[in-house]
Structures are given as structure tokens and as C-alpha cells.
Amino acid sequence: MAQGVKRMIEYRCTDCDKSEILAGIVPMKACPQCGFLMEAVEE
């Protein structure tokens, strides 16, 4: 991967099934809907 290019990563809450796509890695992303931690989804 070229330097300076960020990967898009999907984060999904297993409790309420909300998902977000963010550029880069967020170690502990809290769900905006329920507050539980979201998990990174690898394709």
C-alpha cells in the first residue's frame, strides 16, 4: 500500500448491529447508538 493512503475499515456493533466505515484504525471505537465497543470487520 502506498505511503499516506489510509484503508477504509468497517466497524460493527454486535449489540445493536450499527455499522460505520472509517479511514484508519480506531483501537476502541464506541458505538454512537448504544455505547458498547464496536469491532473491526475484516473482509
PDB file of N, CA and C in Angstrom:
ATOM      1  N   MET A   1       0.842  -1.166   0.000  1.00  0.00           N
ATOM      2  CA  MET A   1       0.000   0.000   0.000  1.00  0.00           C
ATOM      3  C   MET A   1       0.892   1.236   0.000  1.00  0.00           C
ATOM      4  N   ALA A   2       0.549   2.217  -0.787  1.00  0.00           N
ATOM      5  CA  ALA A   2       1.359   3.430  -0.892  1.00  0.00           C
ATOM      6  C   ALA A   2       1.351   4.218   0.413  1.00  0.00           C
ATOM      7  N   GLN A   3       2.458   4.876   0.681  1.00  0.00           N
ATOM      8  CA  GLN A   3       2.561   5.664   1.902  1.00  0.00           C
ATOM      9  C   GLN A   3       1.587   6.842   1.844  1.00  0.00           C
ATOM     10  N   GLY A   4       0.902   7.096   2.945  1.00  0.00           N
ATOM     11  CA  GLY A   4      -0.064   8.184   3.000  1.00  0.00           C
ATOM     12  C   GLY A   4      -1.481   7.781   2.619  1.00  0.00           C
ATOM     13  N   VAL A   5      -1.682   6.551   2.120  1.00  0.00           N
ATOM     14  CA  VAL A   5      -3.010   6.070   1.749  1.00  0.00           C
ATOM     15  C   VAL A   5      -3.576   5.291   2.924  1.00  0.00           C
ATOM     16  N   LYS A   6      -4.773   5.678   3.379  1.00  0.00           N
ATOM     17  CA  LYS A   6      -5.395   5.004   4.516  1.00  0.00           C
ATOM     18  C   LYS A   6      -6.424   4.003   4.027  1.00  0.00           C
ATOM     19  N   ARG A   7      -6.499   2.880   4.723  1.00  0.00           N
ATOM     20  CA  ARG A   7      -7.511   1.873   4.420  1.00  0.00           C
ATOM     21  C   ARG A   7      -8.827   2.266   5.057  1.00  0.00           C
ATOM     22  N   MET A   8      -9.914   1.929   4.400  1.00  0.00           N
ATOM     23  CA  MET A   8     -11.236   2.129   4.964  1.00  0.00           C
ATOM     24  C   MET A   8     -11.595   0.861   5.727  1.00  0.00           C
ATOM     25  N   ILE A   9     -11.973   1.024   6.982  1.00  0.00           N
ATOM     26  CA  ILE A   9     -12.274  -0.123   7.831  1.00  0.00           C
ATOM     27  C   ILE A   9     -13.709   0.007   8.335  1.00  0.00           C
ATOM     28  N   GLU A  10     -14.455  -1.095   8.261  1.00  0.00           N
ATOM     29  CA  GLU A  10     -15.831  -1.107   8.760  1.00  0.00           C
ATOM     30  C   GLU A  10     -15.825  -1.542  10.215  1.00  0.00           C
ATOM     31  N   TYR A  11     -16.547  -0.800  11.034  1.00  0.00           N
ATOM     32  CA  TYR A  11     -16.729  -1.143  12.437  1.00  0.00           C
ATOM     33  C   TYR A  11     -18.194  -1.469  12.653  1.00  0.00           C
ATOM     34  N   ARG A  12     -18.462  -2.568  13.373  1.00  0.00           N
ATOM     35  CA  ARG A  12     -19.840  -3.001  13.590  1.00  0.00           C
ATOM     36  C   ARG A  12     -20.058  -3.307  15.057  1.00  0.00           C
ATOM     37  N   CYS A  13     -21.182  -2.825  15.585  1.00  0.00           N
ATOM     38  CA  CYS A  13     -21.565  -3.111  16.967  1.00  0.00           C
ATOM     39  C   CYS A  13     -22.318  -4.437  16.977  1.00  0.00           C
ATOM     40  N   THR A  14     -21.853  -5.385  17.773  1.00  0.00           N
ATOM     41  CA  THR A  14     -22.519  -6.695  17.826  1.00  0.00           C
ATOM     42  C   THR A  14     -23.785  -6.651  18.665  1.00  0.00           C
ATOM     43  N   ASP A  15     -23.961  -5.582  19.461  1.00  0.00           N
ATOM     44  CA  ASP A  15     -25.143  -5.481  20.313  1.00  0.00           C
ATOM     45  C   ASP A  15     -26.349  -4.924  19.548  1.00  0.00           C
ATOM     46  N   CYS A  16     -26.164  -3.806  18.842  1.00  0.00           N
ATOM     47  CA  CYS A  16     -27.305  -3.182  18.155  1.00  0.00           C
ATOM     48  C   CYS A  16     -27.188  -3.226  16.630  1.00  0.00           C
ATOM     49  N   ASP A  17     -26.118  -3.823  16.095  1.00  0.00           N
ATOM     50  CA  ASP A  17     -25.897  -4.028  14.660  1.00  0.00           C
ATOM     51  C   ASP A  17     -25.696  -2.720  13.877  1.00  0.00           C
ATOM     52  N   LYS A  18     -25.294  -1.651  14.543  1.00  0.00           N
ATOM     53  CA  LYS A  18     -24.954  -0.391  13.862  1.00  0.00           C
ATOM     54  C   LYS A  18     -23.566  -0.547  13.260  1.00  0.00           C
ATOM     55  N   SER A  19     -23.324   0.049  12.094  1.00  0.00           N
ATOM     56  CA  SER A  19     -22.002  -0.028  11.485  1.00  0.00           C
ATOM     57  C   SER A  19     -21.573   1.345  10.979  1.00  0.00           C
ATOM     58  N   GLU A  20     -20.251   1.538  10.938  1.00  0.00           N
ATOM     59  CA  GLU A  20     -19.646   2.765  10.432  1.00  0.00           C
ATOM     60  C   GLU A  20     -18.414   2.385   9.640  1.00  0.00           C
ATOM     61  N   ILE A  21     -18.075   3.180   8.633  1.00  0.00           N
ATOM     62  CA  ILE A  21     -16.849   2.979   7.866  1.00  0.00           C
ATOM     63  C   ILE A  21     -15.958   4.186   8.117  1.00  0.00           C
ATOM     64  N   LEU A  22     -14.744   3.915   8.593  1.00  0.00           N
ATOM     65  CA  LEU A  22     -13.804   4.971   8.932  1.00  0.00           C
ATOM     66  C   LEU A  22     -12.479   4.739   8.232  1.00  0.00           C
ATOM     67  N   ALA A  23     -11.734   5.809   8.012  1.00  0.00           N
ATOM     68  CA  ALA A  23     -10.395   5.711   7.437  1.00  0.00           C
ATOM     69  C   ALA A  23      -9.420   5.480   8.578  1.00  0.00           C
ATOM     70  N   GLY A  24      -8.717   4.378   8.541  1.00  0.00           N
ATOM     71  CA  GLY A  24      -7.721   4.090   9.568  1.00  0.00           C
ATOM     72  C   GLY A  24      -8.265   3.250  10.708  1.00  0.00           C
ATOM     73  N   ILE A  25      -7.367   2.941  11.626  1.00  0.00           N
ATOM     74  CA  ILE A  25      -7.696   2.068  12.741  1.00  0.00           C
ATOM     75  C   ILE A  25      -8.009   2.903  13.968  1.00  0.00           C
ATOM     76  N   VAL A  26      -9.139   2.623  14.592  1.00  0.00           N
ATOM     77  CA  VAL A  26      -9.523   3.246  15.859  1.00  0.00           C
ATOM     78  C   VAL A  26      -9.522   2.122  16.888  1.00  0.00           C
ATOM     79  N   PRO A  27      -8.566   2.109  17.839  1.00  0.00           N
ATOM     80  CA  PRO A  27      -8.428   0.973  18.757  1.00  0.00           C
ATOM     81  C   PRO A  27      -9.682   0.634  19.569  1.00  0.00           C
ATOM     82  N   MET A  28     -10.352   1.635  20.116  1.00  0.00           N
ATOM     83  CA  MET A  28     -11.530   1.373  20.937  1.00  0.00           C
ATOM     84  C   MET A  28     -12.652   2.310  20.508  1.00  0.00           C
ATOM     85  N   LYS A  29     -13.367   1.959  19.458  1.00  0.00           N
ATOM     86  CA  LYS A  29     -14.439   2.780  18.900  1.00  0.00           C
ATOM     87  C   LYS A  29     -15.738   2.452  19.620  1.00  0.00           C
ATOM     88  N   ALA A  30     -16.337   3.450  20.280  1.00  0.00           N
ATOM     89  CA  ALA A  30     -17.617   3.251  20.963  1.00  0.00           C
ATOM     90  C   ALA A  30     -18.768   3.451  19.985  1.00  0.00           C
ATOM     91  N   CYS A  31     -19.778   2.632  20.111  1.00  0.00           N
ATOM     92  CA  CYS A  31     -20.961   2.729  19.258  1.00  0.00           C
ATOM     93  C   CYS A  31     -21.716   4.017  19.597  1.00  0.00           C
ATOM     94  N   PRO A  32     -22.044   4.839  18.583  1.00  0.00           N
ATOM     95  CA  PRO A  32     -22.766   6.083  18.854  1.00  0.00           C
ATOM     96  C   PRO A  32     -24.216   5.849  19.280  1.00  0.00           C
ATOM     97  N   GLN A  33     -24.733   4.648  19.029  1.00  0.00           N
ATOM     98  CA  GLN A  33     -26.130   4.351  19.339  1.00  0.00           C
ATOM     99  C   GLN A  33     -26.301   3.790  20.746  1.00  0.00           C
ATOM    100  N   CYS A  34     -25.469   2.802  21.138  1.00  0.00           N
ATOM    101  CA  CYS A  34     -25.664   2.155  22.442  1.00  0.00           C
ATOM    102  C   CYS A  34     -24.493   2.321  23.403  1.00  0.00           C
ATOM    103  N   GLY A  35     -23.314   2.742  22.900  1.00  0.00           N
ATOM    104  CA  GLY A  35     -22.174   2.988  23.775  1.00  0.00           C
ATOM    105  C   GLY A  35     -21.220   1.809  23.951  1.00  0.00           C
ATOM    106  N   PHE A  36     -21.608   0.623  23.501  1.00  0.00           N
ATOM    107  CA  PHE A  36     -20.713  -0.528  23.599  1.00  0.00           C
ATOM    108  C   PHE A  36     -19.594  -0.407  22.573  1.00  0.00           C
ATOM    109  N   LEU A  37     -18.517  -1.147  22.765  1.00  0.00           N
ATOM    110  CA  LEU A  37     -17.393  -1.089  21.826  1.00  0.00           C
ATOM    111  C   LEU A  37     -17.741  -1.789  20.524  1.00  0.00           C
ATOM    112  N   MET A  38     -17.298  -1.185  19.421  1.00  0.00           N
ATOM    113  CA  MET A  38     -17.524  -1.762  18.096  1.00  0.00           C
ATOM    114  C   MET A  38     -16.320  -2.598  17.699  1.00  0.00           C
ATOM    115  N   GLU A  39     -16.535  -3.607  16.867  1.00  0.00           N
ATOM    116  CA  GLU A  39     -15.463  -4.485  16.387  1.00  0.00           C
ATOM    117  C   GLU A  39     -15.159  -4.156  14.941  1.00  0.00           C
ATOM    118  N   ALA A  40     -13.869  -4.224  14.592  1.00  0.00           N
ATOM    119  CA  ALA A  40     -13.456  -4.038  13.198  1.00  0.00           C
ATOM    120  C   ALA A  40     -13.835  -5.283  12.414  1.00  0.00           C
ATOM    121  N   VAL A  41     -14.409  -5.079  11.233  1.00  0.00           N
ATOM    122  CA  VAL A  41     -14.823  -6.175  10.371  1.00  0.00           C
ATOM    123  C   VAL A  41     -13.808  -6.306   9.255  1.00  0.00           C
ATOM    124  N   GLU A  42     -13.223  -7.496   9.116  1.00  0.00           N
ATOM    125  CA  GLU A  42     -12.258  -7.738   8.044  1.00  0.00           C
ATOM    126  C   GLU A  42     -12.949  -8.475   6.922  1.00  0.00           C
ATOM    127  N   GLU A  43     -12.784  -7.962   5.722  1.00  0.00           N
ATOM    128  CA  GLU A  43     -13.394  -8.570   4.531  1.00  0.00           C
ATOM    129  C   GLU A  43     -12.480  -9.617   3.962  1.00  0.00           C
TER     130      GLU A  43
END
